Amino acid sequence: MELERVPHQCPCCRQVTDRVHDYRVQKIKDHHIFGRRTALFYRKRRYVCENENCRKTIL
């Protein structure tokens, strides 16, 4: 499962960025679908601020 790529605002310097830093997989478990236990795997995207003085990663 993956969401669309959209611009995010840095919480520190408020600059808008669309640059991807990396991805990680997050397991979401204990959901019942059709009466069965199901695990969802979410491909989480992390962005990086493009401001030279900031460079924070944004989830």
N, C-alpha and C. Protein backbone atom coordinates (compact mmCIF):
# COMPACT_ATOMS: atom_id res chain seq x y z
N MET A 1 0.85 -1.15 0.00
CA MET A 1 0.00 0.00 0.00
C MET A 1 0.91 1.23 0.00
N GLU A 2 0.59 2.22 -0.83
CA GLU A 2 1.40 3.42 -0.95
C GLU A 2 0.51 4.59 -1.34
N LEU A 3 0.76 5.76 -0.77
CA LEU A 3 0.01 6.96 -1.09
C LEU A 3 0.68 7.72 -2.24
N GLU A 4 -0.06 8.62 -2.85
CA GLU A 4 0.48 9.45 -3.92
C GLU A 4 1.56 10.39 -3.37
N ARG A 5 2.52 10.72 -4.21
CA ARG A 5 3.58 11.64 -3.82
C ARG A 5 3.07 13.08 -3.92
N VAL A 6 3.12 13.81 -2.81
CA VAL A 6 2.64 15.20 -2.77
C VAL A 6 3.68 16.06 -2.06
N PRO A 7 3.74 17.35 -2.37
CA PRO A 7 4.67 18.26 -1.67
C PRO A 7 4.31 18.39 -0.20
N HIS A 8 5.33 18.48 0.65
CA HIS A 8 5.14 18.66 2.09
C HIS A 8 5.89 19.90 2.54
N GLN A 9 5.42 20.48 3.64
CA GLN A 9 6.04 21.67 4.20
C GLN A 9 6.92 21.26 5.38
N CYS A 10 8.14 21.76 5.41
CA CYS A 10 9.07 21.48 6.51
C CYS A 10 8.54 22.13 7.79
N PRO A 11 8.47 21.38 8.90
CA PRO A 11 7.97 21.96 10.14
C PRO A 11 8.94 22.97 10.77
N CYS A 12 10.20 22.94 10.38
CA CYS A 12 11.19 23.86 10.97
C CYS A 12 11.29 25.18 10.21
N CYS A 13 11.51 25.11 8.89
CA CYS A 13 11.75 26.34 8.13
C CYS A 13 10.57 26.72 7.22
N ARG A 14 9.54 25.89 7.15
CA ARG A 14 8.31 26.14 6.38
C ARG A 14 8.49 26.14 4.86
N GLN A 15 9.63 25.64 4.37
CA GLN A 15 9.83 25.55 2.92
C GLN A 15 9.13 24.30 2.40
N VAL A 16 8.53 24.40 1.22
CA VAL A 16 7.83 23.27 0.61
C VAL A 16 8.83 22.42 -0.16
N THR A 17 8.75 21.11 0.02
CA THR A 17 9.67 20.19 -0.65
C THR A 17 8.92 19.00 -1.25
N ASP A 18 9.48 18.46 -2.32
CA ASP A 18 8.94 17.28 -2.98
C ASP A 18 10.04 16.22 -3.13
N ARG A 19 11.18 16.45 -2.53
CA ARG A 19 12.33 15.57 -2.68
C ARG A 19 12.25 14.41 -1.69
N VAL A 20 12.33 13.19 -2.21
CA VAL A 20 12.22 11.98 -1.38
C VAL A 20 13.59 11.63 -0.80
N HIS A 21 13.63 11.39 0.51
CA HIS A 21 14.87 10.98 1.18
C HIS A 21 15.03 9.47 1.11
N ASP A 22 14.00 8.73 1.52
CA ASP A 22 14.02 7.27 1.44
C ASP A 22 12.63 6.70 1.71
N TYR A 23 12.53 5.39 1.67
CA TYR A 23 11.28 4.67 1.93
C TYR A 23 11.54 3.65 3.03
N ARG A 24 10.50 3.30 3.76
CA ARG A 24 10.57 2.19 4.71
C ARG A 24 9.21 1.52 4.74
N VAL A 25 9.19 0.25 5.08
CA VAL A 25 7.95 -0.51 5.13
C VAL A 25 7.48 -0.59 6.57
N GLN A 26 6.22 -0.22 6.80
CA GLN A 26 5.62 -0.29 8.13
C GLN A 26 4.51 -1.32 8.10
N LYS A 27 4.56 -2.27 9.03
CA LYS A 27 3.53 -3.31 9.11
C LYS A 27 2.41 -2.84 10.02
N ILE A 28 1.20 -2.87 9.49
CA ILE A 28 0.00 -2.51 10.25
C ILE A 28 -0.79 -3.80 10.43
N LYS A 29 -0.92 -4.27 11.68
CA LYS A 29 -1.53 -5.58 11.90
C LYS A 29 -2.82 -5.49 12.71
N ASP A 30 -3.42 -6.65 12.93
CA ASP A 30 -4.63 -6.80 13.73
C ASP A 30 -5.86 -6.14 13.12
N HIS A 31 -5.93 -6.08 11.82
CA HIS A 31 -7.14 -5.63 11.14
C HIS A 31 -7.90 -6.88 10.68
N HIS A 32 -9.20 -6.88 10.86
CA HIS A 32 -10.03 -8.00 10.45
C HIS A 32 -10.77 -7.64 9.16
N ILE A 33 -10.48 -8.37 8.11
CA ILE A 33 -11.15 -8.18 6.83
C ILE A 33 -11.81 -9.51 6.47
N PHE A 34 -13.11 -9.48 6.25
CA PHE A 34 -13.90 -10.68 5.97
C PHE A 34 -13.73 -11.73 7.06
N GLY A 35 -13.61 -11.27 8.32
CA GLY A 35 -13.53 -12.18 9.45
C GLY A 35 -12.17 -12.83 9.64
N ARG A 36 -11.16 -12.43 8.89
CA ARG A 36 -9.83 -13.02 9.02
C ARG A 36 -8.83 -11.96 9.44
N ARG A 37 -7.84 -12.37 10.21
CA ARG A 37 -6.77 -11.45 10.59
C ARG A 37 -5.94 -11.12 9.36
N THR A 38 -5.63 -9.85 9.21
CA THR A 38 -4.91 -9.40 8.03
C THR A 38 -3.81 -8.42 8.45
N ALA A 39 -2.67 -8.51 7.79
CA ALA A 39 -1.58 -7.56 8.01
C ALA A 39 -1.43 -6.71 6.75
N LEU A 40 -1.36 -5.40 6.94
CA LEU A 40 -1.16 -4.48 5.82
C LEU A 40 0.28 -3.98 5.87
N PHE A 41 0.92 -3.88 4.71
CA PHE A 41 2.27 -3.37 4.63
C PHE A 41 2.22 -2.03 3.91
N TYR A 42 2.58 -0.97 4.64
CA TYR A 42 2.51 0.40 4.14
C TYR A 42 3.92 0.86 3.80
N ARG A 43 4.14 1.26 2.56
CA ARG A 43 5.44 1.76 2.12
C ARG A 43 5.50 3.25 2.44
N LYS A 44 6.14 3.57 3.55
CA LYS A 44 6.18 4.93 4.07
C LYS A 44 7.30 5.72 3.39
N ARG A 45 6.96 6.90 2.95
CA ARG A 45 7.91 7.77 2.25
C ARG A 45 8.39 8.86 3.19
N ARG A 46 9.70 9.12 3.20
CA ARG A 46 10.27 10.21 3.99
C ARG A 46 10.84 11.24 3.04
N TYR A 47 10.52 12.49 3.30
CA TYR A 47 11.00 13.60 2.48
C TYR A 47 12.16 14.28 3.20
N VAL A 48 12.96 15.03 2.45
CA VAL A 48 14.05 15.80 3.02
C VAL A 48 13.87 17.26 2.59
N CYS A 49 14.12 18.18 3.52
CA CYS A 49 13.99 19.60 3.24
C CYS A 49 15.10 20.02 2.27
N GLU A 50 14.75 20.83 1.29
CA GLU A 50 15.72 21.26 0.28
C GLU A 50 16.49 22.51 0.69
N ASN A 51 16.14 23.10 1.81
CA ASN A 51 16.84 24.28 2.33
C ASN A 51 18.23 23.85 2.80
N GLU A 52 19.28 24.51 2.30
CA GLU A 52 20.66 24.15 2.65
C GLU A 52 20.94 24.28 4.14
N ASN A 53 20.27 25.21 4.82
CA ASN A 53 20.52 25.43 6.25
C ASN A 53 19.70 24.51 7.14
N CYS A 54 18.73 23.81 6.60
CA CYS A 54 17.83 22.99 7.40
C CYS A 54 18.12 21.49 7.24
N ARG A 55 17.80 20.93 6.09
CA ARG A 55 18.03 19.51 5.75
C ARG A 55 17.36 18.51 6.69
N LYS A 56 16.21 18.86 7.27
CA LYS A 56 15.47 17.95 8.13
C LYS A 56 14.73 16.91 7.29
N THR A 57 14.53 15.72 7.86
CA THR A 57 13.70 14.71 7.19
C THR A 57 12.28 14.85 7.70
N ILE A 58 11.33 14.68 6.78
CA ILE A 58 9.92 14.88 7.08
C ILE A 58 9.19 13.58 6.82
N LEU A 59 8.38 13.13 7.74
CA LEU A 59 7.61 11.89 7.54
C LEU A 59 6.33 12.15 6.80
